[in-house]
Amino acid sequence: MNSEREHIDCATIPEGLRPVLSALSAVAAEVNEMIAIGPLGDALGAAVGENTDGDQQKALDVLADNMFASALRPAKVRFYASEERDTVDTLNQAGSYAIAIDPLDGSSNIDTNVSIGTIFSIYDAGENADASFLRPVSEQIAGGYFIYGPQCALIVTFGDGVQHFVLDPRDRTFHLAEARMEIPALASEFAINASNYRHWSQPIRAYIDDCIAGEEGPRAKNFNMRWIASLVAETHRIMARGGIFLYPSDDRPGYEHGRLRLLYEGAPIAFLAEQAGGAATDGCDRILDKTVTELHKRAPLVFGTVEKVERVASYHDLPEVEVSALFGNRGLFRA
């Protein structure tokens, strides 16, 4: 990796964050190349262990994690919190920033050639590791993701809209493609893992039932369902086409608070969604009003167009007897 040059067109990036974004972009370009050669390279999809929360780690999870940490050390990053690590690492004692990162989101899809990515969130460094990350997520100064797909792209916000960069493989540099990306207000797509229907709360089931009922249902509109099992890919589709993504809590052991991590996934995606004109909640309450109380804290995540996210919250606001009536009348498996 050539660290002497910028790996991203930095004209629209806040000056202090340019070394950080350049370092992230340089590693992302390398990771993208490694993914692109697939089975012609190493067995990147091979299982190599589990992370602190018991999720299976792939070889590329660990490799990407080490690559990002190494590149960020000279880039003014003091503290590094990764979904793949149990604790926070100090990279550069003189650094000004703290970065939380999911080095490889969607790694279960590596061997199936589905788009995967890297999610990150940047804060001003606090006095120590805890002060840097155990804080309100509204204090992010940047959040974004890289998506490794047909195009390798960076979607990022610095708190004033969302910028869209695309990697040009000819010069290995990310160039600005869209200065202000916005989630389309109208869409007929929803993303949820329907195999968990029986575990959901009644408000979530009632909302999905109404979507599935189509033109004959209370929404009077046909919807399409999507589910990629890659948060970055789901987010990128919503950023481009609108719609809604739901990963709710459910009644399975270990899923009582959802499955996505607030620090590494929920917070940066919520930051992007709101800056792109959308909304993000845990089904009821705004994600950006939450505070991280532990590094690997989980939270449900519902995000997308404002109208759809607000409708999900309205189902939770109904008295239980009314939700039960809705479910009884519109249940997906009702005879």
Protein backbone atom coordinates (compact mmCIF):
# COMPACT_ATOMS: atom_id res chain seq x y z
CA MET A 1 0.00 0.00 0.00
CA ASN A 2 1.33 3.44 -0.96
CA SER A 3 0.62 5.63 2.08
CA GLU A 4 2.31 8.70 0.57
CA ARG A 5 -0.64 9.65 -1.64
CA GLU A 6 -4.33 10.19 -1.03
CA HIS A 7 -6.50 7.25 -2.03
CA ILE A 8 -9.66 9.33 -2.20
CA ASP A 9 -10.58 12.64 -3.81
CA CYS A 10 -10.50 14.65 -0.57
CA ALA A 11 -11.84 17.99 -1.78
CA THR A 12 -15.21 17.52 -0.04
CA ILE A 13 -13.85 15.84 3.12
CA PRO A 14 -13.16 17.86 6.32
CA GLU A 15 -9.43 18.54 6.41
CA GLY A 16 -8.70 16.84 9.72
CA LEU A 17 -10.39 13.62 8.60
CA ARG A 18 -8.63 13.36 5.25
CA PRO A 19 -5.79 11.09 6.48
CA VAL A 20 -8.35 8.77 8.12
CA LEU A 21 -10.54 8.51 5.02
CA SER A 22 -7.48 8.05 2.82
CA ALA A 23 -6.24 5.19 5.02
CA LEU A 24 -9.67 3.54 5.07
CA SER A 25 -9.96 3.91 1.30
CA ALA A 26 -6.53 2.39 0.65
CA VAL A 27 -7.40 -0.73 2.64
CA ALA A 28 -10.87 -0.94 1.08
CA ALA A 29 -9.31 -0.95 -2.39
CA GLU A 30 -7.05 -3.84 -1.34
CA VAL A 31 -9.88 -5.79 0.27
CA ASN A 32 -11.96 -5.27 -2.86
CA GLU A 33 -9.20 -6.78 -5.01
CA MET A 34 -8.85 -9.76 -2.68
CA ILE A 35 -12.58 -10.42 -2.84
CA ALA A 36 -12.65 -9.99 -6.61
CA ILE A 37 -10.21 -12.83 -7.30
CA GLY A 38 -12.27 -15.13 -5.10
CA PRO A 39 -11.20 -18.79 -5.19
CA LEU A 40 -8.13 -17.88 -7.26
CA GLY A 41 -6.65 -16.47 -4.08
CA ASP A 42 -6.68 -17.73 -0.50
CA ALA A 43 -9.70 -19.41 1.13
CA LEU A 44 -11.06 -16.14 2.46
CA GLY A 45 -14.41 -17.64 3.36
CA ALA A 46 -12.93 -20.38 5.54
CA ALA A 47 -14.06 -20.37 9.18
CA VAL A 48 -11.23 -19.50 11.57
CA GLY A 49 -13.01 -19.14 14.91
CA GLU A 50 -15.58 -17.01 16.72
CA ASN A 51 -15.61 -13.40 17.86
CA THR A 52 -16.49 -12.23 21.35
CA ASP A 53 -20.23 -12.63 20.74
CA GLY A 54 -20.00 -16.14 19.37
CA ASP A 55 -20.41 -15.20 15.71
CA GLN A 56 -18.34 -17.26 13.31
CA GLN A 57 -15.30 -15.46 11.92
CA LYS A 58 -14.10 -15.95 8.36
CA ALA A 59 -10.45 -15.67 7.34
CA LEU A 60 -11.10 -12.34 5.63
CA ASP A 61 -12.83 -10.96 8.74
CA VAL A 62 -9.59 -11.29 10.67
CA LEU A 63 -7.35 -10.22 7.80
CA ALA A 64 -9.40 -7.09 7.03
CA ASP A 65 -9.49 -6.19 10.73
CA ASN A 66 -5.70 -6.31 10.97
CA MET A 67 -5.28 -4.38 7.70
CA PHE A 68 -7.53 -1.52 8.82
CA ALA A 69 -5.89 -1.30 12.25
CA SER A 70 -2.42 -1.16 10.72
CA ALA A 71 -3.35 1.51 8.18
CA LEU A 72 -5.12 3.72 10.72
CA ARG A 73 -2.23 3.80 13.20
CA PRO A 74 -0.36 6.64 11.42
CA ALA A 75 -3.61 8.38 10.40
CA LYS A 76 -4.37 10.25 13.64
CA VAL A 77 -6.53 7.45 15.05
CA ARG A 78 -5.95 7.00 18.76
CA PHE A 79 -8.51 4.33 19.66
CA TYR A 80 -9.74 1.41 17.53
CA ALA A 81 -12.84 -0.60 18.43
CA SER A 82 -13.66 -3.51 16.14
CA GLU A 83 -16.54 -5.95 16.06
CA GLU A 84 -13.86 -8.64 15.76
CA ARG A 85 -12.02 -7.65 18.97
CA ASP A 86 -12.94 -8.06 22.62
CA THR A 87 -11.49 -4.74 23.76
CA VAL A 88 -10.40 -1.35 22.41
CA ASP A 89 -6.87 -1.03 21.03
CA THR A 90 -4.77 2.12 21.31
CA LEU A 91 -3.24 2.70 17.87
CA ASN A 92 -1.64 6.12 18.22
CA GLN A 93 -1.42 7.82 21.61
CA ALA A 94 -1.10 11.19 19.89
CA GLY A 95 -4.13 10.61 17.67
CA SER A 96 -7.25 12.77 17.66
CA TYR A 97 -9.91 10.27 16.63
CA ALA A 98 -11.62 7.09 17.75
CA ILE A 99 -13.00 4.71 15.14
CA ALA A 100 -15.51 1.90 15.55
CA ILE A 101 -15.54 -0.57 12.67
CA ASP A 102 -17.15 -3.72 11.35
CA PRO A 103 -14.24 -4.72 9.09
CA LEU A 104 -16.26 -7.12 6.96
CA ASP A 105 -20.03 -7.00 7.18
CA GLY A 106 -21.87 -9.91 5.54
CA SER A 107 -18.86 -12.23 5.50
CA SER A 108 -21.13 -15.30 5.42
CA ASN A 109 -21.72 -14.32 1.78
CA ILE A 110 -18.06 -14.36 0.72
CA ASP A 111 -18.28 -17.71 -1.04
CA THR A 112 -21.58 -16.90 -2.76
CA ASN A 113 -20.29 -13.78 -4.58
CA VAL A 114 -22.82 -11.47 -2.91
CA SER A 115 -21.95 -7.86 -2.11
CA ILE A 116 -20.37 -7.39 1.32
CA GLY A 117 -18.75 -4.38 2.93
CA THR A 118 -17.07 -2.45 5.73
CA ILE A 119 -18.99 -0.19 8.14
CA PHE A 120 -17.30 2.50 10.23
CA SER A 121 -18.06 5.32 12.62
CA ILE A 122 -15.69 8.09 13.73
CA TYR A 123 -15.71 10.09 16.97
CA ASP A 124 -13.40 12.65 18.49
CA ALA A 125 -11.16 10.69 20.86
CA GLY A 126 -12.00 11.00 24.54
CA GLU A 127 -9.63 10.90 27.49
CA ASN A 128 -9.64 7.11 27.42
CA ALA A 129 -11.14 4.19 25.54
CA ASP A 130 -14.40 4.13 27.50
CA ALA A 131 -14.99 7.85 27.07
CA SER A 132 -14.36 7.48 23.34
CA PHE A 133 -17.01 4.83 22.65
CA LEU A 134 -19.37 4.54 25.63
CA ARG A 135 -21.22 7.70 24.77
CA PRO A 136 -24.29 9.01 22.90
CA VAL A 137 -24.11 7.88 19.28
CA SER A 138 -25.29 11.33 18.23
CA GLU A 139 -21.70 12.44 18.89
CA GLN A 140 -20.41 10.73 15.74
CA ILE A 141 -18.49 13.12 13.50
CA ALA A 142 -18.54 10.73 10.53
CA GLY A 143 -20.15 7.46 9.56
CA GLY A 144 -20.11 5.37 6.42
CA TYR A 145 -19.56 2.12 4.63
CA PHE A 146 -17.64 0.62 1.74
CA ILE A 147 -19.51 -1.82 -0.46
CA TYR A 148 -17.58 -4.46 -2.41
CA GLY A 149 -19.82 -5.24 -5.35
CA PRO A 150 -20.03 -4.66 -9.12
CA GLN A 151 -18.77 -1.20 -8.17
CA CYS A 152 -16.66 -0.63 -5.09
CA ALA A 153 -18.21 2.43 -3.48
CA LEU A 154 -17.91 4.55 -0.35
CA ILE A 155 -21.02 6.14 1.15
CA VAL A 156 -20.14 8.61 3.93
CA THR A 157 -21.55 11.46 5.95
CA PHE A 158 -19.79 14.13 7.98
CA GLY A 159 -23.04 15.50 9.35
CA ASP A 160 -24.00 17.61 6.34
CA GLY A 161 -25.60 15.26 3.82
CA VAL A 162 -24.33 12.00 2.33
CA GLN A 163 -21.55 11.72 -0.25
CA HIS A 164 -21.14 8.85 -2.72
CA PHE A 165 -17.66 7.91 -3.96
CA VAL A 166 -16.78 5.17 -6.47
CA LEU A 167 -13.42 3.42 -6.78
CA ASP A 168 -11.80 3.81 -10.20
CA PRO A 169 -9.67 0.67 -10.62
CA ARG A 170 -7.48 2.45 -13.14
CA ASP A 171 -5.94 4.76 -10.55
CA ARG A 172 -7.08 2.94 -7.36
CA THR A 173 -8.70 6.15 -6.12
CA PHE A 174 -12.21 6.86 -4.86
CA HIS A 175 -13.78 9.70 -6.84
CA LEU A 176 -16.88 11.68 -5.91
CA ALA A 177 -19.87 10.42 -7.92
CA GLU A 178 -22.73 12.12 -6.07
CA ALA A 179 -22.35 15.10 -3.77
CA ARG A 180 -25.65 14.72 -1.96
CA MET A 181 -27.27 11.29 -1.92
CA GLU A 182 -30.89 11.09 -0.74
CA ILE A 183 -33.15 8.12 -0.03
CA PRO A 184 -36.09 8.18 -2.48
CA ALA A 185 -39.30 8.97 -0.62
CA LEU A 186 -41.46 6.48 -2.50
CA ALA A 187 -40.69 2.78 -2.80
CA SER A 188 -42.49 -0.56 -2.63
CA GLU A 189 -39.76 -2.76 -1.13
CA PHE A 190 -39.20 -4.08 2.38
CA ALA A 191 -36.29 -6.17 3.66
CA ILE A 192 -36.69 -8.63 6.51
CA ASN A 193 -35.80 -12.27 7.19
CA ALA A 194 -39.29 -13.77 6.92
CA SER A 195 -38.11 -17.15 8.20
CA ASN A 196 -38.24 -15.63 11.69
CA TYR A 197 -41.89 -14.60 11.38
CA ARG A 198 -43.03 -16.89 14.20
CA HIS A 199 -40.56 -15.23 16.59
CA TRP A 200 -41.53 -11.62 15.94
CA SER A 201 -43.69 -9.44 18.15
CA GLN A 202 -47.26 -8.89 16.97
CA PRO A 203 -46.65 -5.27 15.84
CA ILE A 204 -43.89 -6.43 13.45
CA ARG A 205 -46.01 -9.30 12.16
CA ALA A 206 -48.98 -6.98 11.65
CA TYR A 207 -46.85 -4.51 9.68
CA ILE A 208 -45.44 -7.23 7.40
CA ASP A 209 -48.88 -8.85 7.00
CA ASP A 210 -50.23 -5.53 5.75
CA CYS A 211 -47.40 -5.30 3.20
CA ILE A 212 -47.97 -8.87 2.02
CA ALA A 213 -51.72 -8.30 1.69
CA GLY A 214 -50.94 -6.00 -1.25
CA GLU A 215 -53.65 -4.16 -3.15
CA GLU A 216 -56.38 -6.04 -1.29
CA GLY A 217 -54.94 -5.10 2.12
CA PRO A 218 -55.08 -1.88 4.18
CA ARG A 219 -52.03 -0.45 2.36
CA ALA A 220 -53.82 -0.85 -1.00
CA LYS A 221 -50.45 -1.41 -2.67
CA ASN A 222 -48.29 -4.33 -3.77
CA PHE A 223 -44.85 -4.68 -2.16
CA ASN A 224 -41.74 -6.70 -2.97
CA MET A 225 -39.64 -8.37 -0.28
CA ARG A 226 -35.84 -8.38 -0.35
CA TRP A 227 -33.36 -10.11 1.96
CA ILE A 228 -29.62 -10.36 1.20
CA ALA A 229 -28.27 -11.02 4.72
CA SER A 230 -25.65 -8.32 4.16
CA LEU A 231 -26.43 -5.08 6.00
CA VAL A 232 -24.23 -3.05 3.66
CA ALA A 233 -25.97 -4.43 0.58
CA GLU A 234 -29.40 -3.85 2.11
CA THR A 235 -28.44 -0.29 3.04
CA HIS A 236 -27.04 0.48 -0.39
CA ARG A 237 -30.24 -0.66 -2.07
CA ILE A 238 -32.34 1.55 0.22
CA MET A 239 -30.02 4.51 -0.35
CA ALA A 240 -30.49 4.04 -4.09
CA ARG A 241 -34.14 2.94 -4.32
CA GLY A 242 -35.85 3.63 -1.01
CA GLY A 243 -37.88 1.19 1.07
CA ILE A 244 -37.40 -0.14 4.57
CA PHE A 245 -35.11 -2.59 6.38
CA LEU A 246 -36.15 -4.37 9.57
CA TYR A 247 -34.04 -6.42 11.95
CA PRO A 248 -36.31 -6.46 15.00
CA SER A 249 -35.86 -8.06 18.36
CA ASP A 250 -37.65 -11.38 18.76
CA ASP A 251 -38.30 -14.09 21.32
CA ARG A 252 -35.32 -16.34 20.53
CA PRO A 253 -32.57 -16.58 23.16
CA GLY A 254 -29.89 -14.02 22.28
CA TYR A 255 -32.22 -11.96 20.07
CA GLU A 256 -34.14 -10.13 22.77
CA HIS A 257 -32.31 -6.93 21.85
CA GLY A 258 -31.92 -7.64 18.16
CA ARG A 259 -28.72 -8.96 16.69
CA LEU A 260 -26.95 -5.96 15.18
CA ARG A 261 -24.40 -4.02 17.24
CA LEU A 262 -25.34 -0.47 18.08
CA LEU A 263 -21.77 0.90 17.96
CA TYR A 264 -20.52 -0.81 14.81
CA GLU A 265 -23.67 -1.14 12.72
CA GLY A 266 -26.79 0.58 14.04
CA ALA A 267 -25.24 3.97 14.84
CA PRO A 268 -23.40 4.64 11.55
CA ILE A 269 -26.27 3.31 9.41
CA ALA A 270 -28.74 5.48 11.35
CA PHE A 271 -26.47 8.51 10.87
CA LEU A 272 -26.39 7.88 7.12
CA ALA A 273 -30.13 7.25 6.91
CA GLU A 274 -31.05 10.50 8.62
CA GLN A 275 -28.51 12.54 6.67
CA ALA A 276 -30.01 11.11 3.47
CA GLY A 277 -33.50 12.25 4.44
CA GLY A 278 -34.66 8.96 5.97
CA ALA A 279 -35.21 7.69 9.50
CA ALA A 280 -33.82 4.98 11.78
CA THR A 281 -35.31 3.54 14.97
CA ASP A 282 -35.26 0.40 17.07
CA GLY A 283 -38.86 -0.08 15.97
CA CYS A 284 -40.07 2.63 18.34
CA ASP A 285 -37.33 5.03 19.39
CA ARG A 286 -34.74 6.95 17.37
CA ILE A 287 -31.37 5.19 17.15
CA LEU A 288 -29.42 8.45 17.34
CA ASP A 289 -30.98 9.17 20.74
CA LYS A 290 -29.31 6.06 22.20
CA THR A 291 -26.11 5.76 24.22
CA VAL A 292 -23.58 2.94 23.91
CA THR A 293 -23.19 1.37 27.36
CA GLU A 294 -20.99 -1.56 26.34
CA LEU A 295 -18.81 -2.15 23.29
CA HIS A 296 -20.84 -4.97 21.81
CA LYS A 297 -24.30 -3.79 22.87
CA ARG A 298 -27.02 -4.95 20.49
CA ALA A 299 -30.07 -3.04 19.32
CA PRO A 300 -32.96 -3.68 16.93
CA LEU A 301 -32.73 -1.65 13.72
CA VAL A 302 -35.46 -0.34 11.43
CA PHE A 303 -34.46 2.23 8.82
CA GLY A 304 -35.46 3.61 5.45
CA THR A 305 -37.97 6.14 4.18
CA VAL A 306 -39.53 8.26 6.91
CA GLU A 307 -43.14 7.28 6.24
CA LYS A 308 -42.41 3.56 6.45
CA VAL A 309 -40.27 3.79 9.58
CA GLU A 310 -42.89 5.94 11.30
CA ARG A 311 -45.61 3.45 10.34
CA VAL A 312 -43.70 0.63 12.06
CA ALA A 313 -43.50 2.76 15.21
CA SER A 314 -47.23 3.47 15.02
CA TYR A 315 -47.98 -0.27 15.16
CA HIS A 316 -46.03 -0.43 18.43
CA ASP A 317 -48.00 2.53 19.79
CA LEU A 318 -51.37 0.79 19.35
CA PRO A 319 -52.94 -0.80 22.43
CA GLU A 320 -52.15 -4.52 22.56
CA VAL A 321 -55.79 -5.47 22.02
CA GLU A 322 -55.86 -3.49 18.75
CA VAL A 323 -52.62 -5.06 17.50
CA SER A 324 -54.01 -8.48 18.37
CA ALA A 325 -57.09 -7.70 16.34
CA LEU A 326 -54.98 -6.60 13.40
CA PHE A 327 -52.95 -9.77 13.60
CA GLY A 328 -56.03 -11.94 13.90
CA ASN A 329 -57.59 -10.37 10.81
CA ARG A 330 -54.49 -10.22 8.62
CA GLY A 331 -52.17 -12.96 9.85
CA LEU A 332 -49.80 -14.27 7.20
CA PHE A 333 -50.67 -17.90 7.96
CA ARG A 334 -54.35 -17.32 8.75
CA ALA A 335 -56.59 -20.00 7.25
